[in-house]
C-alpha atoms as a PDB file:
ATOM      1  CA  MET A   1      -9.551 -23.428  31.244  1.00  0.00           C
ATOM      2  CA  THR A   2      -7.754 -22.854  27.935  1.00  0.00           C
ATOM      3  CA  ASN A   3      -8.152 -24.968  24.810  1.00  0.00           C
ATOM      4  CA  ARG A   4      -8.035 -24.672  21.046  1.00  0.00           C
ATOM      5  CA  SER A   5     -10.567 -26.281  18.748  1.00  0.00           C
ATOM      6  CA  ASP A   6      -9.632 -27.851  15.429  1.00  0.00           C
ATOM      7  CA  ASP A   7     -11.301 -24.953  13.604  1.00  0.00           C
ATOM      8  CA  THR A   8      -9.320 -22.289  15.434  1.00  0.00           C
ATOM      9  CA  MET A   9      -6.086 -24.230  14.997  1.00  0.00           C
ATOM     10  CA  ALA A  10      -6.770 -24.329  11.258  1.00  0.00           C
ATOM     11  CA  TRP A  11      -7.423 -20.575  11.293  1.00  0.00           C
ATOM     12  CA  ALA A  12      -4.072 -19.956  12.943  1.00  0.00           C
ATOM     13  CA  GLU A  13      -2.027 -22.411  10.928  1.00  0.00           C
ATOM     14  CA  ASN A  14      -3.390 -21.758   7.429  1.00  0.00           C
ATOM     15  CA  GLU A  15      -0.453 -19.707   6.185  1.00  0.00           C
ATOM     16  CA  GLN A  16      -1.049 -17.225   3.387  1.00  0.00           C
ATOM     17  CA  PRO A  17       1.745 -15.520   1.427  1.00  0.00           C
ATOM     18  CA  ALA A  18       2.793 -12.559   3.549  1.00  0.00           C
ATOM     19  CA  ARG A  19       4.130  -9.280   2.193  1.00  0.00           C
ATOM     20  CA  PRO A  20       7.095  -7.940   4.206  1.00  0.00           C
ATOM     21  CA  ALA A  21       6.324  -4.634   5.908  1.00  0.00           C
ATOM     22  CA  ALA A  22       7.832  -2.290   8.469  1.00  0.00           C
ATOM     23  CA  THR A  23       6.478   0.182  10.975  1.00  0.00           C
ATOM     24  CA  VAL A  24       8.208   2.535  13.383  1.00  0.00           C
ATOM     25  CA  VAL A  25       7.264   3.875  16.798  1.00  0.00           C
ATOM     26  CA  VAL A  26       8.638   7.420  16.817  1.00  0.00           C
ATOM     27  CA  PHE A  27       9.273   8.953  20.249  1.00  0.00           C
ATOM     28  CA  ARG A  28       9.643  12.601  21.220  1.00  0.00           C
ATOM     29  CA  ARG A  29      10.108  14.218  24.589  1.00  0.00           C
ATOM     30  CA  ASN A  30       6.921  15.552  26.119  1.00  0.00           C
ATOM     31  CA  ALA A  31       7.131  19.353  26.393  1.00  0.00           C
ATOM     32  CA  ALA A  32       4.591  19.243  29.225  1.00  0.00           C
ATOM     33  CA  GLY A  33       6.631  16.685  31.143  1.00  0.00           C
ATOM     34  CA  GLY A  34       5.678  13.130  31.902  1.00  0.00           C
ATOM     35  CA  ALA A  35       5.892  10.133  29.619  1.00  0.00           C
ATOM     36  CA  ALA A  36       7.296  10.517  26.119  1.00  0.00           C
ATOM     37  CA  GLN A  37       4.896  10.980  23.244  1.00  0.00           C
ATOM     38  CA  ILE A  38       4.695   8.809  20.143  1.00  0.00           C
ATOM     39  CA  LEU A  39       3.604   9.662  16.605  1.00  0.00           C
ATOM     40  CA  LEU A  40       0.259   8.226  15.498  1.00  0.00           C
ATOM     41  CA  LEU A  41      -1.578   8.386  12.176  1.00  0.00           C
ATOM     42  CA  GLU A  42      -5.293   7.985  11.552  1.00  0.00           C
ATOM     43  CA  ARG A  43      -5.749   6.079   8.310  1.00  0.00           C
ATOM     44  CA  SER A  44      -8.296   7.075   5.705  1.00  0.00           C
ATOM     45  CA  GLY A  45     -11.583   5.265   6.077  1.00  0.00           C
ATOM     46  CA  THR A  46     -11.386   4.203   2.428  1.00  0.00           C
ATOM     47  CA  MET A  47      -8.238   2.125   2.932  1.00  0.00           C
ATOM     48  CA  ALA A  48      -8.783  -1.612   2.469  1.00  0.00           C
ATOM     49  CA  PHE A  49      -6.461  -2.498   5.351  1.00  0.00           C
ATOM     50  CA  ALA A  50      -7.138  -0.938   8.767  1.00  0.00           C
ATOM     51  CA  GLY A  51      -9.367   1.743   7.283  1.00  0.00           C
ATOM     52  CA  GLY A  52     -10.087   4.474   9.848  1.00  0.00           C
ATOM     53  CA  ALA A  53      -7.674   2.954  12.377  1.00  0.00           C
ATOM     54  CA  THR A  54      -4.977   4.809  14.271  1.00  0.00           C
ATOM     55  CA  VAL A  55      -1.584   3.248  13.607  1.00  0.00           C
ATOM     56  CA  PHE A  56       2.155   3.888  13.705  1.00  0.00           C
ATOM     57  CA  PRO A  57       3.818   5.097  10.478  1.00  0.00           C
ATOM     58  CA  GLY A  58       4.736   2.240   8.170  1.00  0.00           C
ATOM     59  CA  GLY A  59       3.996   0.195   5.109  1.00  0.00           C
ATOM     60  CA  ALA A  60       5.153  -2.528   2.764  1.00  0.00           C
ATOM     61  CA  VAL A  61       8.811  -3.147   1.936  1.00  0.00           C
ATOM     62  CA  ASP A  62       9.461  -2.641  -1.777  1.00  0.00           C
ATOM     63  CA  THR A  63      12.194  -3.662  -4.205  1.00  0.00           C
ATOM     64  CA  ALA A  64      13.932  -0.292  -3.997  1.00  0.00           C
ATOM     65  CA  ASP A  65      14.173  -0.629  -0.198  1.00  0.00           C
ATOM     66  CA  ARG A  66      16.024  -3.914  -0.626  1.00  0.00           C
ATOM     67  CA  ALA A  67      18.352  -2.433  -3.233  1.00  0.00           C
ATOM     68  CA  LEU A  68      19.169   0.574  -1.052  1.00  0.00           C
ATOM     69  CA  ALA A  69      19.778  -1.643   1.969  1.00  0.00           C
ATOM     70  CA  ALA A  70      22.092  -3.910  -0.026  1.00  0.00           C
ATOM     71  CA  ALA A  71      24.085  -0.894  -1.210  1.00  0.00           C
ATOM     72  CA  SER A  72      24.438   0.640   2.265  1.00  0.00           C
ATOM     73  CA  PRO A  73      27.637  -0.269   4.167  1.00  0.00           C
ATOM     74  CA  GLY A  74      25.911   0.028   7.514  1.00  0.00           C
ATOM     75  CA  ALA A  75      23.664  -2.920   6.684  1.00  0.00           C
ATOM     76  CA  ALA A  76      26.447  -5.460   6.256  1.00  0.00           C
ATOM     77  CA  ALA A  77      26.018  -6.943   9.734  1.00  0.00           C
ATOM     78  CA  LEU A  78      22.219  -7.188   9.492  1.00  0.00           C
ATOM     79  CA  ASP A  79      19.917  -9.820   8.098  1.00  0.00           C
ATOM     80  CA  PRO A  80      18.945  -8.530   4.613  1.00  0.00           C
ATOM     81  CA  ASP A  81      15.221  -8.615   5.430  1.00  0.00           C
ATOM     82  CA  ASP A  82      15.830  -6.651   8.629  1.00  0.00           C
ATOM     83  CA  ALA A  83      17.978  -4.096   6.784  1.00  0.00           C
ATOM     84  CA  ALA A  84      15.309  -3.659   4.102  1.00  0.00           C
ATOM     85  CA  GLY A  85      12.699  -3.245   6.821  1.00  0.00           C
ATOM     86  CA  ARG A  86      14.674  -0.422   8.409  1.00  0.00           C
ATOM     87  CA  VAL A  87      14.966   1.348   5.051  1.00  0.00           C
ATOM     88  CA  ALA A  88      11.223   0.946   4.502  1.00  0.00           C
ATOM     89  CA  ALA A  89      10.591   2.408   7.963  1.00  0.00           C
ATOM     90  CA  VAL A  90      12.616   5.508   7.031  1.00  0.00           C
ATOM     91  CA  ARG A  91      10.878   5.886   3.671  1.00  0.00           C
ATOM     92  CA  GLU A  92       7.339   5.323   4.933  1.00  0.00           C
ATOM     93  CA  THR A  93       7.750   7.713   7.870  1.00  0.00           C
ATOM     94  CA  LEU A  94       8.979  10.455   5.562  1.00  0.00           C
ATOM     95  CA  GLU A  95       6.205   9.780   3.061  1.00  0.00           C
ATOM     96  CA  GLU A  96       3.378   9.594   5.582  1.00  0.00           C
ATOM     97  CA  SER A  97       4.363  12.351   8.004  1.00  0.00           C
ATOM     98  CA  GLY A  98       7.221  14.426   6.587  1.00  0.00           C
ATOM     99  CA  LEU A  99       9.412  13.339   9.485  1.00  0.00           C
ATOM    100  CA  VAL A 100      13.000  12.258   8.801  1.00  0.00           C
ATOM    101  CA  VAL A 101      14.099   9.450  11.127  1.00  0.00           C
ATOM    102  CA  GLY A 102      16.901   6.928  10.907  1.00  0.00           C
ATOM    103  CA  VAL A 103      19.443   8.969   8.964  1.00  0.00           C
ATOM    104  CA  LYS A 104      22.866  10.456   9.599  1.00  0.00           C
ATOM    105  CA  GLY A 105      23.401  14.018   8.436  1.00  0.00           C
ATOM    106  CA  THR A 106      22.015  17.491   9.001  1.00  0.00           C
ATOM    107  CA  VAL A 107      18.212  17.559   8.875  1.00  0.00           C
ATOM    108  CA  THR A 108      16.235  20.803   8.953  1.00  0.00           C
ATOM    109  CA  ALA A 109      12.504  21.327   8.554  1.00  0.00           C
ATOM    110  CA  PRO A 110      12.831  22.902   5.057  1.00  0.00           C
ATOM    111  CA  ARG A 111      15.072  20.074   3.873  1.00  0.00           C
ATOM    112  CA  ALA A 112      12.685  17.463   5.261  1.00  0.00           C
ATOM    113  CA  ILE A 113       9.725  19.147   3.555  1.00  0.00           C
ATOM    114  CA  ASP A 114      11.547  19.224   0.233  1.00  0.00           C
ATOM    115  CA  ALA A 115      12.721  15.614   0.591  1.00  0.00           C
ATOM    116  CA  ARG A 116       9.177  14.502   1.223  1.00  0.00           C
ATOM    117  CA  ARG A 117       7.885  16.436  -1.788  1.00  0.00           C
ATOM    118  CA  ARG A 118      10.400  14.687  -4.034  1.00  0.00           C
ATOM    119  CA  LEU A 119       9.578  11.297  -2.552  1.00  0.00           C
ATOM    120  CA  LEU A 120       5.847  11.810  -3.146  1.00  0.00           C
ATOM    121  CA  GLU A 121       6.620  12.896  -6.704  1.00  0.00           C
ATOM    122  CA  GLY A 122       8.267   9.541  -7.294  1.00  0.00           C
ATOM    123  CA  GLN A 123      11.959  10.195  -6.728  1.00  0.00           C
ATOM    124  CA  ASP A 124      13.871   7.241  -5.316  1.00  0.00           C
ATOM    125  CA  LEU A 125      14.788   7.486  -1.630  1.00  0.00           C
ATOM    126  CA  GLY A 126      18.379   6.532  -2.410  1.00  0.00           C
ATOM    127  CA  ALA A 127      18.718   9.487  -4.773  1.00  0.00           C
ATOM    128  CA  ILE A 128      17.202  11.845  -2.198  1.00  0.00           C
ATOM    129  CA  LEU A 129      19.606  10.651   0.476  1.00  0.00           C
ATOM    130  CA  ALA A 130      22.574  11.126  -1.851  1.00  0.00           C
ATOM    131  CA  GLU A 131      21.496  14.649  -2.815  1.00  0.00           C
ATOM    132  CA  GLU A 132      20.979  15.650   0.825  1.00  0.00           C
ATOM    133  CA  GLY A 133      24.185  14.056   2.062  1.00  0.00           C
ATOM    134  CA  TRP A 134      22.230  11.707   4.322  1.00  0.00           C
ATOM    135  CA  THR A 135      22.878   8.023   4.941  1.00  0.00           C
ATOM    136  CA  ILE A 136      20.747   5.414   6.653  1.00  0.00           C
ATOM    137  CA  ASP A 137      21.573   5.146  10.364  1.00  0.00           C
ATOM    138  CA  PHE A 138      20.586   1.522  10.857  1.00  0.00           C
ATOM    139  CA  ASP A 139      21.561   1.456  14.533  1.00  0.00           C
ATOM    140  CA  SER A 140      19.143   4.264  15.392  1.00  0.00           C
ATOM    141  CA  LEU A 141      16.210   2.042  14.398  1.00  0.00           C
ATOM    142  CA  VAL A 142      15.808  -0.434  17.248  1.00  0.00           C
ATOM    143  CA  PRO A 143      14.045  -3.763  16.523  1.00  0.00           C
ATOM    144  CA  PHE A 144      11.028  -4.045  18.828  1.00  0.00           C
ATOM    145  CA  ALA A 145       8.659  -6.706  17.531  1.00  0.00           C
ATOM    146  CA  ARG A 146       7.590  -8.811  14.572  1.00  0.00           C
ATOM    147  CA  TRP A 147       3.954  -9.609  13.801  1.00  0.00           C
ATOM    148  CA  TRP A 148       2.907 -12.132  11.181  1.00  0.00           C
ATOM    149  CA  PRO A 149      -0.813 -13.000  11.288  1.00  0.00           C
ATOM    150  CA  ARG A 150      -1.397 -16.369   9.614  1.00  0.00           C
ATOM    151  CA  HIS A 151      -5.036 -16.340   8.647  1.00  0.00           C
ATOM    152  CA  ARG A 152      -7.361 -16.356   5.670  1.00  0.00           C
ATOM    153  CA  GLU A 153      -7.503 -12.618   5.055  1.00  0.00           C
ATOM    154  CA  VAL A 154      -6.513 -11.422   1.592  1.00  0.00           C
ATOM    155  CA  ARG A 155      -3.894  -8.998   2.902  1.00  0.00           C
ATOM    156  CA  VAL A 156      -1.335 -10.585   5.196  1.00  0.00           C
ATOM    157  CA  TYR A 157       1.757  -8.631   6.254  1.00  0.00           C
ATOM    158  CA  ASP A 158       4.892  -9.869   7.971  1.00  0.00           C
ATOM    159  CA  THR A 159       5.603  -6.633   9.838  1.00  0.00           C
ATOM    160  CA  ARG A 160       8.760  -5.666  11.679  1.00  0.00           C
ATOM    161  CA  PHE A 161       8.359  -2.969  14.337  1.00  0.00           C
ATOM    162  CA  TYR A 162      11.178  -0.533  15.155  1.00  0.00           C
ATOM    163  CA  LEU A 163      11.708   2.235  17.708  1.00  0.00           C
ATOM    164  CA  ALA A 164      13.184   5.651  16.849  1.00  0.00           C
ATOM    165  CA  ASP A 165      13.713   8.902  18.728  1.00  0.00           C
ATOM    166  CA  VAL A 166      13.512  12.510  17.520  1.00  0.00           C
ATOM    167  CA  GLY A 167      14.309  14.230  20.814  1.00  0.00           C
ATOM    168  CA  THR A 168      12.304  17.423  21.193  1.00  0.00           C
ATOM    169  CA  GLY A 169      10.167  16.722  18.137  1.00  0.00           C
ATOM    170  CA  ALA A 170       9.833  20.440  17.353  1.00  0.00           C
ATOM    171  CA  LEU A 171       8.911  19.727  13.742  1.00  0.00           C
ATOM    172  CA  ASP A 172       6.324  20.801  11.191  1.00  0.00           C
ATOM    173  CA  LEU A 173       4.443  17.635  10.219  1.00  0.00           C
ATOM    174  CA  ALA A 174       1.498  16.948   7.959  1.00  0.00           C
ATOM    175  CA  ALA A 175      -0.312  13.742   7.100  1.00  0.00           C
ATOM    176  CA  ASP A 176      -0.133  12.274   3.612  1.00  0.00           C
ATOM    177  CA  THR A 177      -3.834  12.579   2.781  1.00  0.00           C
ATOM    178  CA  THR A 178      -3.754   9.830   0.137  1.00  0.00           C
ATOM    179  CA  GLU A 179      -3.621   7.213   2.926  1.00  0.00           C
ATOM    180  CA  ASN A 180      -4.034   9.126   6.203  1.00  0.00           C
ATOM    181  CA  ARG A 181      -6.332  11.890   7.317  1.00  0.00           C
ATOM    182  CA  HIS A 182      -4.801  13.018  10.593  1.00  0.00           C
ATOM    183  CA  LEU A 183      -1.638  12.703  12.656  1.00  0.00           C
ATOM    184  CA  PHE A 184      -1.006  13.507  16.288  1.00  0.00           C
ATOM    185  CA  TRP A 185       1.384  12.981  19.200  1.00  0.00           C
ATOM    186  CA  ALA A 186       0.221  11.220  22.373  1.00  0.00           C
ATOM    187  CA  THR A 187       1.638   9.069  25.114  1.00  0.00           C
ATOM    188  CA  ALA A 188       0.930   5.361  24.731  1.00  0.00           C
ATOM    189  CA  GLN A 189      -1.462   5.502  27.688  1.00  0.00           C
ATOM    190  CA  GLU A 190      -3.274   8.532  26.244  1.00  0.00           C
ATOM    191  CA  ALA A 191      -3.783   6.613  22.994  1.00  0.00           C
ATOM    192  CA  LEU A 192      -5.206   3.651  24.912  1.00  0.00           C
ATOM    193  CA  ASP A 193      -7.535   5.990  26.808  1.00  0.00           C
ATOM    194  CA  LEU A 194      -8.730   7.537  23.533  1.00  0.00           C
ATOM    195  CA  ALA A 195      -9.414   4.066  22.149  1.00  0.00           C
ATOM    196  CA  ASP A 196     -11.322   3.011  25.280  1.00  0.00           C
ATOM    197  CA  ALA A 197     -13.418   6.186  25.009  1.00  0.00           C
ATOM    198  CA  GLY A 198     -14.256   5.383  21.379  1.00  0.00           C
ATOM    199  CA  ARG A 199     -12.476   8.472  20.062  1.00  0.00           C
ATOM    200  CA  ILE A 200     -10.002   6.487  17.974  1.00  0.00           C
ATOM    201  CA  LYS A 201      -9.997   2.957  16.587  1.00  0.00           C
ATOM    202  CA  VAL A 202      -7.023   0.690  17.215  1.00  0.00           C
ATOM    203  CA  ILE A 203      -6.603  -2.774  15.749  1.00  0.00           C
ATOM    204  CA  PHE A 204      -5.432  -5.747  17.809  1.00  0.00           C
ATOM    205  CA  PRO A 205      -1.658  -5.446  17.090  1.00  0.00           C
ATOM    206  CA  THR A 206      -1.652  -1.702  17.754  1.00  0.00           C
ATOM    207  CA  ARG A 207      -3.434  -2.118  21.092  1.00  0.00           C
ATOM    208  CA  ARG A 208      -1.027  -4.811  22.245  1.00  0.00           C
ATOM    209  CA  ASN A 209       1.958  -2.651  21.287  1.00  0.00           C
ATOM    210  CA  LEU A 210       0.513   0.443  22.962  1.00  0.00           C
ATOM    211  CA  GLU A 211       0.033  -1.579  26.167  1.00  0.00           C
ATOM    212  CA  ARG A 212       3.646  -2.704  25.958  1.00  0.00           C
ATOM    213  CA  LEU A 213       4.938   0.807  25.258  1.00  0.00           C
ATOM    214  CA  ALA A 214       2.881   2.293  28.097  1.00  0.00           C
ATOM    215  CA  GLN A 215       5.119   0.453  30.576  1.00  0.00           C
ATOM    216  CA  TRP A 216       8.081   2.718  29.793  1.00  0.00           C
ATOM    217  CA  PRO A 217       8.444   6.458  30.501  1.00  0.00           C
ATOM    218  CA  ASP A 218      10.750   7.369  27.625  1.00  0.00           C
ATOM    219  CA  PHE A 219      12.668   6.172  24.587  1.00  0.00           C
ATOM    220  CA  ALA A 220      15.727   5.142  26.598  1.00  0.00           C
ATOM    221  CA  ALA A 221      13.695   2.793  28.792  1.00  0.00           C
ATOM    222  CA  ALA A 222      11.767   1.357  25.849  1.00  0.00           C
ATOM    223  CA  ARG A 223      15.015   0.861  23.938  1.00  0.00           C
ATOM    224  CA  ALA A 224      16.634  -0.953  26.862  1.00  0.00           C
ATOM    225  CA  HIS A 225      13.588  -3.200  27.141  1.00  0.00           C
ATOM    226  CA  ALA A 226      13.629  -3.939  23.404  1.00  0.00           C
ATOM    227  CA  LEU A 227      17.327  -4.804  23.379  1.00  0.00           C
ATOM    228  CA  ALA A 228      16.901  -7.116  26.373  1.00  0.00           C
ATOM    229  CA  THR A 229      13.820  -8.912  25.009  1.00  0.00           C
ATOM    230  CA  PRO A 230      14.303 -11.569  22.306  1.00  0.00           C
ATOM    231  CA  ILE A 231      11.955 -10.987  19.385  1.00  0.00           C
ATOM    232  CA  VAL A 232       9.317 -13.701  19.076  1.00  0.00           C
ATOM    233  CA  THR A 233       7.359 -13.685  15.827  1.00  0.00           C
ATOM    234  CA  VAL A 234       3.781 -13.007  16.916  1.00  0.00           C
ATOM    235  CA  SER A 235       1.132 -14.972  15.023  1.00  0.00           C
ATOM    236  CA  PRO A 236      -2.173 -14.567  16.910  1.00  0.00           C
ATOM    237  CA  TRP A 237      -4.555 -17.484  17.209  1.00  0.00           C
ATOM    238  CA  ILE A 238      -8.050 -18.085  18.575  1.00  0.00           C
ATOM    239  CA  GLU A 239      -8.586 -20.202  21.660  1.00  0.00           C
ATOM    240  CA  GLN A 240     -11.327 -20.815  24.200  1.00  0.00           C
ATOM    241  CA  ARG A 241     -10.947 -19.245  27.634  1.00  0.00           C
ATOM    242  CA  ASN A 242     -13.693 -19.990  30.156  1.00  0.00           C
ATOM    243  CA  GLY A 243     -16.136 -20.723  27.360  1.00  0.00           C
ATOM    244  CA  GLU A 244     -15.346 -17.586  25.343  1.00  0.00           C
ATOM    245  CA  ALA A 245     -13.351 -17.189  22.133  1.00  0.00           C
ATOM    246  CA  TRP A 246     -10.202 -15.132  22.618  1.00  0.00           C
ATOM    247  CA  LEU A 247      -7.632 -13.816  20.169  1.00  0.00           C
ATOM    248  CA  VAL A 248      -4.276 -14.437  21.837  1.00  0.00           C
ATOM    249  CA  ILE A 249      -0.527 -14.105  21.359  1.00  0.00           C
ATOM    250  CA  PRO A 250       2.486 -15.931  22.851  1.00  0.00           C
ATOM    251  CA  ALA A 251       2.979 -15.249  26.549  1.00  0.00           C
ATOM    252  CA  ASP A 252       6.759 -14.944  26.114  1.00  0.00           C
ATOM    253  CA  ALA A 253       6.788 -12.215  23.458  1.00  0.00           C
ATOM    254  CA  GLY A 254       7.317  -9.307  25.866  1.00  0.00           C
ATOM    255  CA  TYR A 255       3.705  -8.091  26.089  1.00  0.00           C
ATOM    256  CA  PRO A 256       1.893  -7.384  29.385  1.00  0.00           C
ATOM    257  CA  VAL A 257      -1.471  -8.461  27.902  1.00  0.00           C
ATOM    258  CA  ASP A 258      -1.573 -11.681  25.884  1.00  0.00           C
ATOM    259  CA  GLY A 259      -5.112 -11.647  24.556  1.00  0.00           C
ATOM    260  CA  GLU A 260      -8.533 -10.103  24.134  1.00  0.00           C
ATOM    261  CA  ARG A 261     -12.041 -11.467  23.718  1.00  0.00           C
ATOM    262  CA  LEU A 262     -12.567 -12.102  20.018  1.00  0.00           C
ATOM    263  CA  GLU A 263     -15.773 -10.100  19.929  1.00  0.00           C
ATOM    264  CA  ARG A 264     -13.827  -7.004  21.022  1.00  0.00           C
ATOM    265  CA  ALA A 265     -10.690  -7.466  18.942  1.00  0.00           C
ATOM    266  CA  ALA A 266     -10.443  -5.265  15.864  1.00  0.00           C
ATOM    267  CA  ARG A 267      -8.326  -7.039  13.254  1.00  0.00           C
ATOM    268  CA  GLY A 268      -8.277  -4.612  10.333  1.00  0.00           C
END
């Protein structure tokens, strides 16, 4: 039996101002064979949001992201919020990992390292792109999901998820230690296994997305799935299932698992 109480409905429907954000699932081919690997970051335990959790690269969309998107010809056919999200995904991935995704132009490890240094020193991403001869490749960032929790927490993000591919992934990466303490590559299923073993912490949205990603062997299959699946804005709510409180998501959002017992769900 499934039902929602008045209290849990209020929890779900009490909308707080949400800050736009973007995150990107970065794929690389697995040198050992098998399913593709994805880039994961372990956040610093001191972070107010998802402290100590393992997440995909990403962060809040800022004013400069919107300005760069508006000035980029490739964004003309996109919704402005979507275009700004893709720019933020490029910027945050470079800042957090040193990896350049979502650009057109020649990228080498030394150039990526230098671009990241300048970004961390405060140089605008638009200026860095111009100096390097890079432009945003909006089409290479594939919309995958949108999560907008509507609850009473202080920090509420309206987060767009994208997919990107780096091929072999033979790159020299390092975590930005101001926000993250470790980065690693793993298949989606390996990440789920690590979480189940207690070796990493994953919050509710990350677990649901890892379960969804684990269905597909490589970027091409995940991309085809994403393009064929309409994006439903996911706003989790609490409901009763067989006498237990569950945190759940819409059944038509493209996810193989639509909920988890509330006592188990890590929400940040």
